[in-house]
Amino acid sequence: MVKLKIIIASTRPGRIGLTIGEWFESHSKEHGGFDDIELVDLAEVDLPFMNEPHHPRLGTYIHQHTRDWSAKVAEADAFVFVMPEYNFGYNAELKNAIDYLHREWQYKPVGLVSYGGVSAGTRAAQMIKQVVTTLKMTPVVESVSIPFVHQLVDEEEGLVPNEVMTGSATAMLDELVRVTEALRPLRSTPMA
C-alpha cells in the first residue's frame, strides 16, 4: 500500500483550503497512483503551539496529541500540502505541525498545492521548500498554483478547476508516485 496524506494547512474560520483539499483528494483518487489517500485537516488535528519539552529528533513525546500526530505522519509514504499564502509566506499552523516531528518526515516526497490572489501562493511554496529539505523531504518541482482562487469556487459544486489546474495536479501526482518509489529504499532503512 502506498499512502498519500493530503494536509490542509489553513485552520481559520471561513477558509477555502478544505474545499481545495477535497477537490485534490477526488482528483488523486481518479489518478490512481496511490492506494490509500487520506485528507488530514490541521483544524481537526488541533495541535497546540509546540508544547513538547524534548527536541523532536529524540522522538520522546509526552503528549498524546503529539503521539497521534507522529503516527499519522509516520505511516505516510508521500504528502501534499494544501497551503494558503499569508503575507508572502506560509501559515504558522503548518510550520507548527511540521516542527512537532522530525524523523517521521524523512525521505518522503511532498507536493505543494498553493493558492491565493495574483501570486497563487507561490511565494509561500518557495519558502516552505527550505524547511522540508532540512527534514530530508523531497519537494517535487511540479505543483498546483491557484490564482484568484475565490473566483473558482461555487457554493454548491465546491472548487471548479480549470484545465491548467487539473493538468498540473496530474503532473504533480505522476511525479509524486515516481519519487515515492525512488525514496522507498531510504524509508525502509533504519534511521540513526
Protein backbone atom coordinates (compact mmCIF):
# COMPACT_ATOMS: atom_id res chain seq x y z
CA MET A 1 0.00 0.00 0.00
CA VAL A 2 1.34 3.40 -0.99
CA LYS A 3 -0.12 6.04 1.32
CA LEU A 4 -0.66 9.70 0.47
CA LYS A 5 -1.63 12.23 3.12
CA ILE A 6 -3.14 15.49 1.88
CA ILE A 7 -2.63 18.06 4.64
CA ILE A 8 -4.97 21.05 4.80
CA ALA A 9 -2.84 23.84 6.29
CA SER A 10 -5.37 26.60 6.91
CA THR A 11 -7.33 26.49 10.14
CA ARG A 12 -9.01 29.89 10.12
CA PRO A 13 -12.80 30.38 10.05
CA GLY A 14 -14.10 30.96 6.54
CA ARG A 15 -11.11 29.23 4.98
CA ILE A 16 -11.15 27.85 1.46
CA GLY A 17 -8.38 25.28 1.99
CA LEU A 18 -10.72 22.44 2.84
CA THR A 19 -12.65 22.96 -0.39
CA ILE A 20 -9.39 22.86 -2.37
CA GLY A 21 -8.24 19.80 -0.46
CA GLU A 22 -11.46 17.94 -1.18
CA TRP A 23 -11.04 18.65 -4.90
CA PHE A 24 -7.43 17.46 -4.80
CA GLU A 25 -8.40 14.33 -2.87
CA SER A 26 -11.00 13.49 -5.52
CA HIS A 27 -8.50 14.12 -8.32
CA SER A 28 -5.93 11.94 -6.54
CA LYS A 29 -8.38 9.06 -6.31
CA GLU A 30 -9.19 9.36 -10.02
CA HIS A 31 -5.45 9.44 -10.77
CA GLY A 32 -4.96 6.03 -9.14
CA GLY A 33 -1.26 6.34 -8.32
CA PHE A 34 -1.76 5.90 -4.57
CA ASP A 35 -3.58 3.02 -2.88
CA ASP A 36 -4.54 4.88 0.27
CA ILE A 37 -5.37 8.61 0.25
CA GLU A 38 -6.31 10.50 3.40
CA LEU A 39 -7.31 14.12 3.84
CA VAL A 40 -5.74 15.42 7.07
CA ASP A 41 -7.20 18.70 8.28
CA LEU A 42 -4.95 20.62 10.68
CA ALA A 43 -8.07 22.29 12.08
CA GLU A 44 -9.21 18.85 13.27
CA VAL A 45 -5.75 17.70 14.34
CA ASP A 46 -5.78 20.84 16.54
CA LEU A 47 -2.16 20.84 17.68
CA PRO A 48 -1.39 23.49 20.28
CA PHE A 49 1.68 25.56 19.55
CA MET A 50 4.69 23.39 20.29
CA ASN A 51 4.41 22.18 23.84
CA GLU A 52 6.77 19.20 23.87
CA PRO A 53 9.71 19.67 26.29
CA HIS A 54 12.13 17.47 24.31
CA HIS A 55 13.64 18.09 20.89
CA PRO A 56 11.63 16.30 18.17
CA ARG A 57 14.78 14.45 16.99
CA LEU A 58 14.55 12.37 20.16
CA GLY A 59 11.03 11.15 19.44
CA THR A 60 10.31 11.30 23.18
CA TYR A 61 6.79 12.66 23.10
CA ILE A 62 4.92 13.21 26.35
CA HIS A 63 1.59 14.42 24.94
CA GLN A 64 -0.98 12.16 23.33
CA HIS A 65 -1.70 14.72 20.58
CA THR A 66 1.97 14.50 19.55
CA ARG A 67 2.00 10.69 19.60
CA ASP A 68 -1.16 10.67 17.44
CA TRP A 69 0.34 13.19 15.01
CA SER A 70 3.58 11.21 14.90
CA ALA A 71 1.73 8.01 13.98
CA LYS A 72 -0.27 9.79 11.27
CA VAL A 73 2.82 11.28 9.63
CA ALA A 74 4.97 8.16 10.07
CA GLU A 75 2.52 5.93 8.20
CA ALA A 76 2.58 8.13 5.09
CA ASP A 77 4.74 7.49 2.04
CA ALA A 78 4.11 10.93 0.50
CA PHE A 79 2.42 14.22 1.27
CA VAL A 80 0.63 17.07 -0.42
CA PHE A 81 0.38 20.34 1.46
CA VAL A 82 -2.67 22.44 0.53
CA MET A 83 -1.49 25.83 1.68
CA PRO A 84 -2.51 29.48 1.60
CA GLU A 85 -0.15 32.40 1.37
CA TYR A 86 -0.24 34.85 4.26
CA ASN A 87 1.95 37.97 3.99
CA PHE A 88 4.27 36.39 1.38
CA GLY A 89 4.73 33.23 3.47
CA TYR A 90 3.07 30.03 4.59
CA ASN A 91 0.93 29.89 7.69
CA ALA A 92 2.05 29.32 11.25
CA GLU A 93 -0.16 26.27 11.81
CA LEU A 94 1.62 24.37 9.04
CA LYS A 95 5.04 25.31 10.39
CA ASN A 96 3.97 24.23 13.86
CA ALA A 97 2.70 20.87 12.58
CA ILE A 98 5.98 20.28 10.76
CA ASP A 99 8.11 21.30 13.75
CA TYR A 100 6.41 18.88 16.14
CA LEU A 101 8.17 15.97 14.44
CA HIS A 102 11.47 15.11 12.82
CA ARG A 103 12.21 11.55 11.70
CA GLU A 104 8.62 10.91 10.66
CA TRP A 105 9.04 13.29 7.67
CA GLN A 106 12.32 11.88 6.36
CA TYR A 107 12.72 10.51 2.84
CA LYS A 108 9.19 11.33 1.79
CA PRO A 109 8.23 13.47 -1.17
CA VAL A 110 5.91 16.42 -0.86
CA GLY A 111 3.77 18.14 -3.46
CA LEU A 112 2.52 21.68 -2.99
CA VAL A 113 -0.95 22.98 -3.79
CA SER A 114 -0.81 26.70 -3.10
CA TYR A 115 -3.49 29.30 -3.51
CA GLY A 116 -4.11 32.98 -3.07
CA GLY A 117 -4.55 36.12 -5.12
CA VAL A 118 -2.42 37.14 -8.06
CA SER A 119 0.66 35.23 -6.82
CA ALA A 120 -1.29 31.97 -6.38
CA GLY A 121 0.58 31.23 -3.15
CA THR A 122 3.88 30.71 -4.99
CA ARG A 123 5.90 32.76 -2.50
CA ALA A 124 4.69 30.55 0.35
CA ALA A 125 5.51 27.45 -1.70
CA GLN A 126 9.06 28.69 -2.27
CA MET A 127 9.55 29.49 1.42
CA ILE A 128 8.47 26.07 2.67
CA LYS A 129 10.99 24.26 0.46
CA GLN A 130 13.81 25.43 2.75
CA VAL A 131 12.11 23.80 5.72
CA VAL A 132 11.10 20.48 4.15
CA THR A 133 14.51 19.83 2.59
CA THR A 134 16.10 20.30 6.01
CA LEU A 135 13.91 17.41 7.18
CA LYS A 136 15.16 15.25 4.25
CA MET A 137 11.87 15.58 2.43
CA THR A 138 11.87 15.95 -1.34
CA PRO A 139 9.62 18.66 -2.75
CA VAL A 140 8.66 17.80 -6.31
CA VAL A 141 9.06 20.53 -8.90
CA GLU A 142 5.57 20.03 -10.31
CA SER A 143 2.95 21.91 -8.32
CA VAL A 144 -0.55 23.31 -8.40
CA SER A 145 -0.71 27.09 -8.02
CA ILE A 146 -4.20 28.60 -7.95
CA PRO A 147 -4.50 32.37 -8.50
CA PHE A 148 -7.68 34.27 -7.65
CA VAL A 149 -8.99 31.09 -6.08
CA HIS A 150 -12.28 32.56 -4.85
CA GLN A 151 -13.38 33.02 -8.45
CA LEU A 152 -13.21 29.23 -8.91
CA VAL A 153 -15.45 28.25 -6.01
CA ASP A 154 -19.14 27.53 -6.44
CA GLU A 155 -21.22 27.24 -3.27
CA GLU A 156 -22.89 24.03 -4.47
CA GLU A 157 -20.13 22.41 -6.54
CA GLY A 158 -17.09 23.40 -4.49
CA LEU A 159 -13.91 24.14 -6.39
CA VAL A 160 -14.45 24.15 -10.14
CA PRO A 161 -10.96 23.55 -11.54
CA ASN A 162 -9.78 24.73 -14.91
CA GLU A 163 -7.68 22.67 -17.34
CA VAL A 164 -4.42 24.19 -16.09
CA MET A 165 -5.19 23.10 -12.53
CA THR A 166 -6.19 19.55 -13.45
CA GLY A 167 -3.19 19.17 -15.75
CA SER A 168 -0.87 20.47 -13.04
CA ALA A 169 -2.43 18.17 -10.45
CA THR A 170 -1.96 15.14 -12.70
CA ALA A 171 1.65 16.05 -13.47
CA MET A 172 2.38 16.54 -9.76
CA LEU A 173 0.79 13.22 -8.82
CA ASP A 174 2.73 11.43 -11.58
CA GLU A 175 5.97 12.82 -10.17
CA LEU A 176 4.97 12.10 -6.56
CA VAL A 177 4.42 8.45 -7.49
CA ARG A 178 7.87 8.23 -9.14
CA VAL A 179 9.71 9.96 -6.30
CA THR A 180 7.82 7.98 -3.65
CA GLU A 181 9.05 4.76 -5.25
CA ALA A 182 12.60 6.07 -5.71
CA LEU A 183 12.83 7.02 -1.99
CA ARG A 184 11.38 3.71 -0.77
CA PRO A 185 14.82 2.12 -0.02
CA LEU A 186 15.75 5.10 2.15
CA ARG A 187 12.46 4.92 4.08
CA SER A 188 12.93 1.21 4.72
CA THR A 189 16.47 1.65 6.11
CA PRO A 190 16.53 2.09 9.90
CA MET A 191 17.35 5.69 10.81
CA ALA A 192 20.10 6.50 13.24
